[in-house]
Amino acid sequence: MKHALTFVGIGQMGGGIARRLSASGFDVLGFDISAQSRSAAQASGLTVQADLKLALHNRQVILSSVPNAETARQAWLGPTGILQYA
């Protein structure tokens, strides 16, 4: 059974990790607040979603790769963060 996972933060580093997971057989859905990062990830073959709530729907695993601790706090704990929708 494939694990359905959402990868939050699909920029330079996160995009590479997400692509590797996808190539390894995981069902990866990518999310990023940056339209440019989403477009680049999609162009490289990843499935992406522009809405975090939709990106997390029915996903079993959530991974993230963001630039720093403050961004991680906001991504996970902020008013429109991951824990609001997971």
C-alpha atoms as a PDB file:
ATOM      1  CA  MET A   1       0.000   0.000   0.000  1.00  0.00           C
ATOM      2  CA  LYS A   2       1.329   3.428  -0.934  1.00  0.00           C
ATOM      3  CA  HIS A   3       1.456   5.976   1.844  1.00  0.00           C
ATOM      4  CA  ALA A   4      -0.367   9.153   0.835  1.00  0.00           C
ATOM      5  CA  LEU A   5       1.741  12.063   2.011  1.00  0.00           C
ATOM      6  CA  THR A   6       1.746  15.808   1.716  1.00  0.00           C
ATOM      7  CA  PHE A   7       5.073  17.570   1.490  1.00  0.00           C
ATOM      8  CA  VAL A   8       4.889  21.195   2.650  1.00  0.00           C
ATOM      9  CA  GLY A   9       7.705  23.357   1.331  1.00  0.00           C
ATOM     10  CA  ILE A  10       8.626  22.158  -2.151  1.00  0.00           C
ATOM     11  CA  GLY A  11      11.267  24.761  -2.929  1.00  0.00           C
ATOM     12  CA  GLN A  12      14.920  23.989  -3.555  1.00  0.00           C
ATOM     13  CA  MET A  13      15.535  21.408  -0.847  1.00  0.00           C
ATOM     14  CA  GLY A  14      11.991  20.217  -0.169  1.00  0.00           C
ATOM     15  CA  GLY A  15      11.233  19.795  -3.855  1.00  0.00           C
ATOM     16  CA  GLY A  16      14.194  17.468  -4.238  1.00  0.00           C
ATOM     17  CA  ILE A  17      13.150  15.404  -1.239  1.00  0.00           C
ATOM     18  CA  ALA A  18       9.551  15.236  -2.468  1.00  0.00           C
ATOM     19  CA  ARG A  19      10.667  14.097  -5.934  1.00  0.00           C
ATOM     20  CA  ARG A  20      12.865  11.395  -4.401  1.00  0.00           C
ATOM     21  CA  LEU A  21       9.973  10.133  -2.275  1.00  0.00           C
ATOM     22  CA  SER A  22       7.717  10.087  -5.316  1.00  0.00           C
ATOM     23  CA  ALA A  23      10.329   8.170  -7.326  1.00  0.00           C
ATOM     24  CA  SER A  24      10.502   5.669  -4.447  1.00  0.00           C
ATOM     25  CA  GLY A  25       6.808   4.886  -4.805  1.00  0.00           C
ATOM     26  CA  PHE A  26       5.175   7.226  -2.312  1.00  0.00           C
ATOM     27  CA  ASP A  27       1.971   9.057  -3.280  1.00  0.00           C
ATOM     28  CA  VAL A  28       3.321  12.613  -2.829  1.00  0.00           C
ATOM     29  CA  LEU A  29       1.251  15.783  -3.014  1.00  0.00           C
ATOM     30  CA  GLY A  30       3.289  18.969  -2.773  1.00  0.00           C
ATOM     31  CA  PHE A  31       2.283  22.319  -1.274  1.00  0.00           C
ATOM     32  CA  ASP A  32       4.121  25.616  -1.119  1.00  0.00           C
ATOM     33  CA  ILE A  33       2.970  29.177  -0.496  1.00  0.00           C
ATOM     34  CA  SER A  34       5.130  30.227  -3.457  1.00  0.00           C
ATOM     35  CA  ALA A  35       3.438  29.916  -6.840  1.00  0.00           C
ATOM     36  CA  GLN A  36       6.923  29.816  -8.405  1.00  0.00           C
ATOM     37  CA  SER A  37       7.920  26.812  -6.270  1.00  0.00           C
ATOM     38  CA  ARG A  38       4.650  25.044  -7.075  1.00  0.00           C
ATOM     39  CA  SER A  39       5.158  25.630 -10.808  1.00  0.00           C
ATOM     40  CA  ALA A  40       8.737  24.359 -10.725  1.00  0.00           C
ATOM     41  CA  ALA A  41       7.717  21.277  -8.748  1.00  0.00           C
ATOM     42  CA  GLN A  42       4.853  20.559 -11.111  1.00  0.00           C
ATOM     43  CA  ALA A  43       7.142  20.976 -14.120  1.00  0.00           C
ATOM     44  CA  SER A  44       9.464  18.376 -12.582  1.00  0.00           C
ATOM     45  CA  GLY A  45       6.621  15.875 -12.327  1.00  0.00           C
ATOM     46  CA  LEU A  46       5.219  16.399  -8.825  1.00  0.00           C
ATOM     47  CA  THR A  47       1.516  16.719  -8.185  1.00  0.00           C
ATOM     48  CA  VAL A  48       0.906  20.003  -6.397  1.00  0.00           C
ATOM     49  CA  GLN A  49      -1.953  21.765  -4.634  1.00  0.00           C
ATOM     50  CA  ALA A  50      -2.212  25.532  -4.049  1.00  0.00           C
ATOM     51  CA  ASP A  51      -4.603  25.230  -1.080  1.00  0.00           C
ATOM     52  CA  LEU A  52      -3.144  23.826   2.166  1.00  0.00           C
ATOM     53  CA  LYS A  53      -6.474  22.531   3.460  1.00  0.00           C
ATOM     54  CA  LEU A  54      -7.027  20.568   0.251  1.00  0.00           C
ATOM     55  CA  ALA A  55      -3.400  19.422   0.227  1.00  0.00           C
ATOM     56  CA  LEU A  56      -3.853  17.819   3.653  1.00  0.00           C
ATOM     57  CA  HIS A  57      -7.219  16.173   3.004  1.00  0.00           C
ATOM     58  CA  ASN A  58      -7.066  12.364   3.375  1.00  0.00           C
ATOM     59  CA  ARG A  59      -3.280  12.297   3.625  1.00  0.00           C
ATOM     60  CA  GLN A  60      -1.655   9.882   6.064  1.00  0.00           C
ATOM     61  CA  VAL A  61       1.705  11.602   6.462  1.00  0.00           C
ATOM     62  CA  ILE A  62       2.744  15.272   6.516  1.00  0.00           C
ATOM     63  CA  LEU A  63       6.368  16.260   5.989  1.00  0.00           C
ATOM     64  CA  SER A  64       7.822  19.728   5.737  1.00  0.00           C
ATOM     65  CA  SER A  65      10.978  21.482   4.635  1.00  0.00           C
ATOM     66  CA  VAL A  66      10.965  25.204   5.271  1.00  0.00           C
ATOM     67  CA  PRO A  67      13.787  27.767   5.553  1.00  0.00           C
ATOM     68  CA  ASN A  68      13.980  28.397   9.304  1.00  0.00           C
ATOM     69  CA  ALA A  69      12.449  27.836  12.747  1.00  0.00           C
ATOM     70  CA  GLU A  70      10.062  30.802  12.583  1.00  0.00           C
ATOM     71  CA  THR A  71       8.723  29.677   9.222  1.00  0.00           C
ATOM     72  CA  ALA A  72       8.281  26.161  10.630  1.00  0.00           C
ATOM     73  CA  ARG A  73       6.332  27.504  13.617  1.00  0.00           C
ATOM     74  CA  GLN A  74       4.032  29.459  11.316  1.00  0.00           C
ATOM     75  CA  ALA A  75       3.660  26.568   8.882  1.00  0.00           C
ATOM     76  CA  TRP A  76       2.651  24.143  11.631  1.00  0.00           C
ATOM     77  CA  LEU A  77       1.146  26.283  14.394  1.00  0.00           C
ATOM     78  CA  GLY A  78      -0.022  29.477  12.674  1.00  0.00           C
ATOM     79  CA  PRO A  79      -3.698  30.430  12.319  1.00  0.00           C
ATOM     80  CA  THR A  80      -3.817  28.898   8.834  1.00  0.00           C
ATOM     81  CA  GLY A  81      -1.125  26.299   9.526  1.00  0.00           C
ATOM     82  CA  ILE A  82      -0.954  22.565   9.152  1.00  0.00           C
ATOM     83  CA  LEU A  83      -2.402  21.733  12.576  1.00  0.00           C
ATOM     84  CA  GLN A  84      -5.536  23.754  11.797  1.00  0.00           C
ATOM     85  CA  TYR A  85      -6.374  21.361   8.979  1.00  0.00           C
ATOM     86  CA  ALA A  86      -4.690  18.040   9.779  1.00  0.00           C
END
